[in-house]
Amino acid sequence: MKSHRLGRKVAAHAMGREGILSALNAGVDTIEHGDGLDEELIDLMVRRGVYWCPTIYVGVYVAAGRAATGAPIWPEMLKFEEKAFGLAVRKGVRISFGTDVGGFAWTETKPRNSPTWCATA
């Protein structure tokens, strides 16, 4: 990867299994979002030392509103992310904190309904 030859890190805003796998196969250093991580992808991230920046709070913040406007998958995505987060922690994925700024007001330091599982996984 040319970026690595230049001493740069590479982040991928990847969602869905295919998108995440493509990013990992391309050699990225970090997966942003990562909605759709499964055990196989998590194991690959551990082997390659890839960080995950799950942007959990923005999903929590927008899920109910998006479901109400016709995207009922959003509350389900939170359940999938909770499961993936716990598995990633147990397996040793390097996890960073990111907010996905712009998904909620920049003046909020703790979005509404913050999931407690982030701290207890």
N, C-alpha and C. Protein backbone atom coordinates (compact mmCIF):
# COMPACT_ATOMS: atom_id res chain seq x y z
N MET A 1 0.85 -1.17 0.00
CA MET A 1 0.00 0.00 0.00
C MET A 1 0.90 1.24 0.00
N LYS A 2 0.66 2.10 -0.95
CA LYS A 2 1.50 3.28 -1.13
C LYS A 2 1.53 4.15 0.12
N SER A 3 0.41 4.29 0.78
CA SER A 3 0.38 5.11 2.00
C SER A 3 1.36 4.59 3.04
N HIS A 4 1.41 3.28 3.19
CA HIS A 4 2.34 2.70 4.16
C HIS A 4 3.79 2.93 3.74
N ARG A 5 4.06 2.86 2.45
CA ARG A 5 5.43 3.14 1.98
C ARG A 5 5.84 4.56 2.28
N LEU A 6 4.86 5.45 2.38
CA LEU A 6 5.13 6.85 2.71
C LEU A 6 5.07 7.11 4.22
N GLY A 7 4.91 6.03 5.00
CA GLY A 7 4.88 6.17 6.45
C GLY A 7 3.55 6.66 7.00
N ARG A 8 2.48 6.48 6.26
CA ARG A 8 1.16 6.94 6.68
C ARG A 8 0.27 5.78 7.08
N LYS A 9 -0.63 6.04 8.00
CA LYS A 9 -1.64 5.06 8.40
C LYS A 9 -2.86 5.23 7.52
N VAL A 10 -3.64 4.17 7.40
CA VAL A 10 -4.82 4.20 6.54
C VAL A 10 -6.04 3.79 7.35
N ALA A 11 -7.08 4.61 7.28
CA ALA A 11 -8.36 4.31 7.92
C ALA A 11 -9.40 4.05 6.85
N ALA A 12 -10.30 3.14 7.14
CA ALA A 12 -11.41 2.86 6.21
C ALA A 12 -12.73 3.01 6.94
N HIS A 13 -13.61 3.81 6.38
CA HIS A 13 -14.97 3.90 6.89
C HIS A 13 -15.72 2.73 6.26
N ALA A 14 -15.72 1.60 6.97
CA ALA A 14 -16.24 0.36 6.39
C ALA A 14 -17.44 -0.15 7.18
N MET A 15 -18.47 -0.50 6.44
CA MET A 15 -19.67 -1.09 7.02
C MET A 15 -20.07 -2.28 6.16
N GLY A 16 -20.68 -3.27 6.79
CA GLY A 16 -21.07 -4.48 6.08
C GLY A 16 -19.89 -5.41 5.96
N ARG A 17 -20.17 -6.69 6.00
CA ARG A 17 -19.10 -7.68 6.01
C ARG A 17 -18.17 -7.54 4.80
N GLU A 18 -18.74 -7.41 3.61
CA GLU A 18 -17.90 -7.30 2.40
C GLU A 18 -17.01 -6.06 2.43
N GLY A 19 -17.56 -4.95 2.86
CA GLY A 19 -16.78 -3.72 2.93
C GLY A 19 -15.64 -3.81 3.93
N ILE A 20 -15.92 -4.40 5.08
CA ILE A 20 -14.89 -4.56 6.11
C ILE A 20 -13.81 -5.51 5.62
N LEU A 21 -14.21 -6.63 5.05
CA LEU A 21 -13.24 -7.60 4.55
C LEU A 21 -12.37 -6.99 3.44
N SER A 22 -12.98 -6.24 2.56
CA SER A 22 -12.21 -5.59 1.49
C SER A 22 -11.18 -4.63 2.08
N ALA A 23 -11.59 -3.87 3.07
CA ALA A 23 -10.67 -2.92 3.71
C ALA A 23 -9.52 -3.66 4.39
N LEU A 24 -9.85 -4.74 5.09
CA LEU A 24 -8.80 -5.51 5.77
C LEU A 24 -7.85 -6.14 4.76
N ASN A 25 -8.39 -6.67 3.68
CA ASN A 25 -7.54 -7.26 2.65
C ASN A 25 -6.66 -6.23 1.96
N ALA A 26 -7.12 -4.98 1.95
CA ALA A 26 -6.32 -3.91 1.35
C ALA A 26 -5.20 -3.45 2.30
N GLY A 27 -5.27 -3.86 3.56
CA GLY A 27 -4.20 -3.55 4.50
C GLY A 27 -4.39 -2.31 5.35
N VAL A 28 -5.65 -1.90 5.60
CA VAL A 28 -5.87 -0.72 6.41
C VAL A 28 -5.40 -0.93 7.84
N ASP A 29 -5.19 0.18 8.52
CA ASP A 29 -4.73 0.15 9.91
C ASP A 29 -5.87 0.26 10.91
N THR A 30 -6.99 0.81 10.47
CA THR A 30 -8.13 0.99 11.36
C THR A 30 -9.43 0.93 10.57
N ILE A 31 -10.42 0.34 11.20
CA ILE A 31 -11.77 0.27 10.65
C ILE A 31 -12.63 1.24 11.44
N GLU A 32 -13.21 2.22 10.75
CA GLU A 32 -14.14 3.15 11.38
C GLU A 32 -15.54 2.60 11.18
N HIS A 33 -16.36 2.69 12.16
CA HIS A 33 -17.73 2.15 12.18
C HIS A 33 -17.69 0.64 12.35
N GLY A 34 -17.49 -0.12 11.31
CA GLY A 34 -17.38 -1.57 11.43
C GLY A 34 -18.69 -2.28 11.68
N ASP A 35 -19.80 -1.65 11.36
CA ASP A 35 -21.09 -2.34 11.53
C ASP A 35 -21.10 -3.55 10.60
N GLY A 36 -21.20 -4.72 11.19
CA GLY A 36 -21.18 -5.95 10.41
C GLY A 36 -20.00 -6.85 10.76
N LEU A 37 -19.23 -6.47 11.77
CA LEU A 37 -18.12 -7.33 12.19
C LEU A 37 -18.65 -8.66 12.70
N ASP A 38 -18.00 -9.72 12.30
CA ASP A 38 -18.31 -11.04 12.83
C ASP A 38 -17.03 -11.64 13.40
N GLU A 39 -17.13 -12.84 13.92
CA GLU A 39 -15.99 -13.45 14.59
C GLU A 39 -14.80 -13.63 13.66
N GLU A 40 -15.04 -14.04 12.44
CA GLU A 40 -13.94 -14.23 11.48
C GLU A 40 -13.21 -12.90 11.22
N LEU A 41 -13.97 -11.84 11.02
CA LEU A 41 -13.35 -10.54 10.77
C LEU A 41 -12.61 -10.03 12.01
N ILE A 42 -13.18 -10.27 13.17
CA ILE A 42 -12.53 -9.87 14.42
C ILE A 42 -11.21 -10.61 14.58
N ASP A 43 -11.21 -11.90 14.30
CA ASP A 43 -9.96 -12.68 14.38
C ASP A 43 -8.91 -12.13 13.42
N LEU A 44 -9.33 -11.76 12.23
CA LEU A 44 -8.42 -11.19 11.24
C LEU A 44 -7.86 -9.86 11.74
N MET A 45 -8.70 -9.05 12.35
CA MET A 45 -8.23 -7.78 12.90
C MET A 45 -7.18 -8.00 13.99
N VAL A 46 -7.42 -8.98 14.84
CA VAL A 46 -6.47 -9.28 15.91
C VAL A 46 -5.14 -9.73 15.31
N ARG A 47 -5.19 -10.64 14.36
CA ARG A 47 -3.96 -11.14 13.74
C ARG A 47 -3.15 -10.02 13.08
N ARG A 48 -3.83 -9.08 12.50
CA ARG A 48 -3.16 -8.01 11.76
C ARG A 48 -2.93 -6.74 12.59
N GLY A 49 -3.41 -6.73 13.83
CA GLY A 49 -3.23 -5.57 14.69
C GLY A 49 -4.02 -4.35 14.25
N VAL A 50 -5.16 -4.57 13.62
CA VAL A 50 -5.99 -3.47 13.11
C VAL A 50 -6.88 -2.94 14.24
N TYR A 51 -6.93 -1.62 14.35
CA TYR A 51 -7.78 -0.97 15.34
C TYR A 51 -9.22 -0.91 14.84
N TRP A 52 -10.14 -0.84 15.79
CA TRP A 52 -11.55 -0.63 15.48
C TRP A 52 -12.03 0.62 16.20
N CYS A 53 -12.62 1.53 15.46
CA CYS A 53 -13.23 2.73 16.02
C CYS A 53 -14.73 2.61 15.78
N PRO A 54 -15.47 2.01 16.73
CA PRO A 54 -16.85 1.63 16.47
C PRO A 54 -17.89 2.75 16.40
N THR A 55 -17.59 3.96 16.77
CA THR A 55 -18.54 5.09 16.71
C THR A 55 -19.92 4.69 17.25
N ILE A 56 -19.91 4.12 18.43
CA ILE A 56 -21.12 3.56 19.04
C ILE A 56 -22.17 4.64 19.32
N TYR A 57 -21.74 5.75 19.84
CA TYR A 57 -22.71 6.73 20.32
C TYR A 57 -23.56 7.34 19.22
N VAL A 58 -23.01 7.50 18.05
CA VAL A 58 -23.83 8.08 16.99
C VAL A 58 -24.95 7.12 16.60
N GLY A 59 -24.69 5.83 16.62
CA GLY A 59 -25.74 4.86 16.32
C GLY A 59 -26.85 4.90 17.35
N VAL A 60 -26.46 4.99 18.61
CA VAL A 60 -27.45 5.10 19.69
C VAL A 60 -28.28 6.36 19.50
N TYR A 61 -27.61 7.43 19.16
CA TYR A 61 -28.26 8.72 19.03
C TYR A 61 -29.29 8.76 17.90
N VAL A 62 -28.99 8.13 16.78
CA VAL A 62 -29.86 8.24 15.61
C VAL A 62 -30.82 7.07 15.42
N ALA A 63 -30.64 5.96 16.14
CA ALA A 63 -31.40 4.73 15.87
C ALA A 63 -32.91 4.93 15.92
N ALA A 64 -33.42 5.50 16.98
CA ALA A 64 -34.87 5.63 17.12
C ALA A 64 -35.45 6.53 16.02
N GLY A 65 -34.81 7.63 15.77
CA GLY A 65 -35.30 8.55 14.75
C GLY A 65 -35.28 7.94 13.36
N ARG A 66 -34.22 7.24 13.05
CA ARG A 66 -34.15 6.61 11.72
C ARG A 66 -35.15 5.48 11.59
N ALA A 67 -35.37 4.74 12.67
CA ALA A 67 -36.39 3.68 12.64
C ALA A 67 -37.77 4.28 12.41
N ALA A 68 -38.04 5.41 13.06
CA ALA A 68 -39.34 6.06 12.93
C ALA A 68 -39.59 6.60 11.51
N THR A 69 -38.52 6.86 10.79
CA THR A 69 -38.68 7.38 9.43
C THR A 69 -38.53 6.31 8.36
N GLY A 70 -38.61 5.04 8.78
CA GLY A 70 -38.65 3.98 7.79
C GLY A 70 -37.42 3.11 7.67
N ALA A 71 -36.49 3.21 8.60
CA ALA A 71 -35.29 2.36 8.56
C ALA A 71 -35.24 1.52 9.85
N PRO A 72 -36.08 0.51 9.95
CA PRO A 72 -36.20 -0.26 11.19
C PRO A 72 -34.97 -1.09 11.54
N ILE A 73 -33.99 -1.16 10.66
CA ILE A 73 -32.78 -1.94 10.95
C ILE A 73 -31.92 -1.28 12.03
N TRP A 74 -32.06 0.03 12.22
CA TRP A 74 -31.15 0.74 13.14
C TRP A 74 -31.17 0.21 14.57
N PRO A 75 -32.31 -0.01 15.20
CA PRO A 75 -32.28 -0.58 16.55
C PRO A 75 -31.65 -1.98 16.57
N GLU A 76 -31.86 -2.74 15.50
CA GLU A 76 -31.25 -4.07 15.40
C GLU A 76 -29.73 -3.96 15.28
N MET A 77 -29.28 -2.95 14.54
CA MET A 77 -27.84 -2.75 14.38
C MET A 77 -27.17 -2.52 15.73
N LEU A 78 -27.85 -1.84 16.64
CA LEU A 78 -27.29 -1.62 17.97
C LEU A 78 -27.06 -2.95 18.69
N LYS A 79 -27.98 -3.89 18.52
CA LYS A 79 -27.81 -5.21 19.14
C LYS A 79 -26.63 -5.95 18.54
N PHE A 80 -26.48 -5.87 17.21
CA PHE A 80 -25.35 -6.52 16.56
C PHE A 80 -24.03 -5.90 17.02
N GLU A 81 -24.03 -4.58 17.15
CA GLU A 81 -22.81 -3.90 17.56
C GLU A 81 -22.44 -4.24 19.01
N GLU A 82 -23.43 -4.37 19.87
CA GLU A 82 -23.16 -4.76 21.25
C GLU A 82 -22.49 -6.13 21.28
N LYS A 83 -23.02 -7.06 20.51
CA LYS A 83 -22.45 -8.40 20.46
C LYS A 83 -21.02 -8.36 19.91
N ALA A 84 -20.82 -7.64 18.81
CA ALA A 84 -19.49 -7.53 18.20
C ALA A 84 -18.51 -6.85 19.15
N PHE A 85 -18.96 -5.82 19.85
CA PHE A 85 -18.09 -5.09 20.77
C PHE A 85 -17.59 -6.01 21.88
N GLY A 86 -18.50 -6.76 22.48
CA GLY A 86 -18.11 -7.68 23.54
C GLY A 86 -17.12 -8.73 23.05
N LEU A 87 -17.38 -9.28 21.87
CA LEU A 87 -16.49 -10.28 21.29
C LEU A 87 -15.12 -9.67 20.97
N ALA A 88 -15.13 -8.48 20.42
CA ALA A 88 -13.87 -7.80 20.09
C ALA A 88 -13.03 -7.54 21.34
N VAL A 89 -13.68 -7.12 22.40
CA VAL A 89 -12.95 -6.88 23.65
C VAL A 89 -12.35 -8.18 24.16
N ARG A 90 -13.16 -9.23 24.20
CA ARG A 90 -12.68 -10.52 24.70
C ARG A 90 -11.54 -11.09 23.86
N LYS A 91 -11.57 -10.85 22.56
CA LYS A 91 -10.55 -11.41 21.67
C LYS A 91 -9.32 -10.51 21.55
N GLY A 92 -9.39 -9.30 22.08
CA GLY A 92 -8.22 -8.44 22.09
C GLY A 92 -8.07 -7.49 20.92
N VAL A 93 -9.18 -7.13 20.26
CA VAL A 93 -9.10 -6.11 19.21
C VAL A 93 -8.70 -4.79 19.86
N ARG A 94 -7.84 -4.06 19.20
CA ARG A 94 -7.47 -2.73 19.66
C ARG A 94 -8.62 -1.80 19.32
N ILE A 95 -9.19 -1.18 20.34
CA ILE A 95 -10.38 -0.35 20.14
C ILE A 95 -10.07 1.09 20.51
N SER A 96 -10.47 1.99 19.62
CA SER A 96 -10.31 3.42 19.90
C SER A 96 -11.70 4.03 20.06
N PHE A 97 -11.73 5.23 20.61
CA PHE A 97 -13.00 5.93 20.80
C PHE A 97 -13.17 6.98 19.72
N GLY A 98 -14.31 6.96 19.08
CA GLY A 98 -14.62 7.97 18.09
C GLY A 98 -16.10 8.30 18.16
N THR A 99 -16.43 9.51 17.81
CA THR A 99 -17.81 9.95 17.94
C THR A 99 -18.55 10.02 16.62
N ASP A 100 -17.83 10.02 15.52
CA ASP A 100 -18.44 10.27 14.22
C ASP A 100 -19.11 11.64 14.26
N VAL A 101 -18.33 12.63 14.62
CA VAL A 101 -18.83 13.99 14.81
C VAL A 101 -19.72 14.40 13.65
N GLY A 102 -20.82 15.01 14.00
CA GLY A 102 -21.80 15.43 13.02
C GLY A 102 -23.06 14.59 13.10
N GLY A 103 -22.98 13.43 13.71
CA GLY A 103 -24.16 12.59 13.90
C GLY A 103 -25.03 13.10 15.03
N PHE A 104 -24.45 13.91 15.89
CA PHE A 104 -25.19 14.56 16.96
C PHE A 104 -24.51 15.90 17.21
N ALA A 105 -25.15 16.73 17.98
CA ALA A 105 -24.64 18.09 18.21
C ALA A 105 -23.24 18.05 18.81
N TRP A 106 -22.35 18.85 18.30
CA TRP A 106 -20.97 18.89 18.77
C TRP A 106 -20.87 19.36 20.20
N THR A 107 -21.89 20.03 20.69
CA THR A 107 -21.87 20.55 22.06
C THR A 107 -22.18 19.47 23.08
N GLU A 108 -22.65 18.32 22.64
CA GLU A 108 -22.97 17.23 23.56
C GLU A 108 -21.73 16.40 23.80
N THR A 109 -21.37 16.24 25.06
CA THR A 109 -20.20 15.41 25.38
C THR A 109 -20.59 13.98 25.67
N LYS A 110 -21.84 13.74 25.97
CA LYS A 110 -22.32 12.38 26.19
C LYS A 110 -23.71 12.28 25.57
N PRO A 111 -23.81 11.66 24.42
CA PRO A 111 -25.11 11.56 23.75
C PRO A 111 -26.13 10.85 24.62
N ARG A 112 -27.38 11.18 24.37
CA ARG A 112 -28.47 10.57 25.14
C ARG A 112 -28.43 9.05 25.03
N ASN A 113 -28.89 8.41 26.05
CA ASN A 113 -29.02 6.95 26.08
C ASN A 113 -27.71 6.22 25.79
N SER A 114 -26.61 6.70 26.35
CA SER A 114 -25.33 6.03 26.14
C SER A 114 -25.40 4.60 26.64
N PRO A 115 -24.94 3.66 25.84
CA PRO A 115 -25.04 2.25 26.26
C PRO A 115 -24.06 1.92 27.37
N THR A 116 -24.55 1.26 28.40
CA THR A 116 -23.68 0.89 29.51
C THR A 116 -22.76 -0.27 29.12
N TRP A 117 -23.12 -1.04 28.10
CA TRP A 117 -22.30 -2.18 27.74
C TRP A 117 -20.92 -1.78 27.24
N CYS A 118 -20.74 -0.54 26.83
CA CYS A 118 -19.41 -0.08 26.42
C CYS A 118 -18.42 -0.19 27.56
N ALA A 119 -18.89 0.10 28.74
CA ALA A 119 -18.02 0.10 29.91
C ALA A 119 -17.93 -1.27 30.56
N THR A 120 -18.87 -2.14 30.26
CA THR A 120 -18.92 -3.42 30.97
C THR A 120 -18.53 -4.62 30.13
N ALA A 121 -18.27 -4.41 28.84
CA ALA A 121 -17.97 -5.54 27.94
C ALA A 121 -16.77 -6.24 28.33
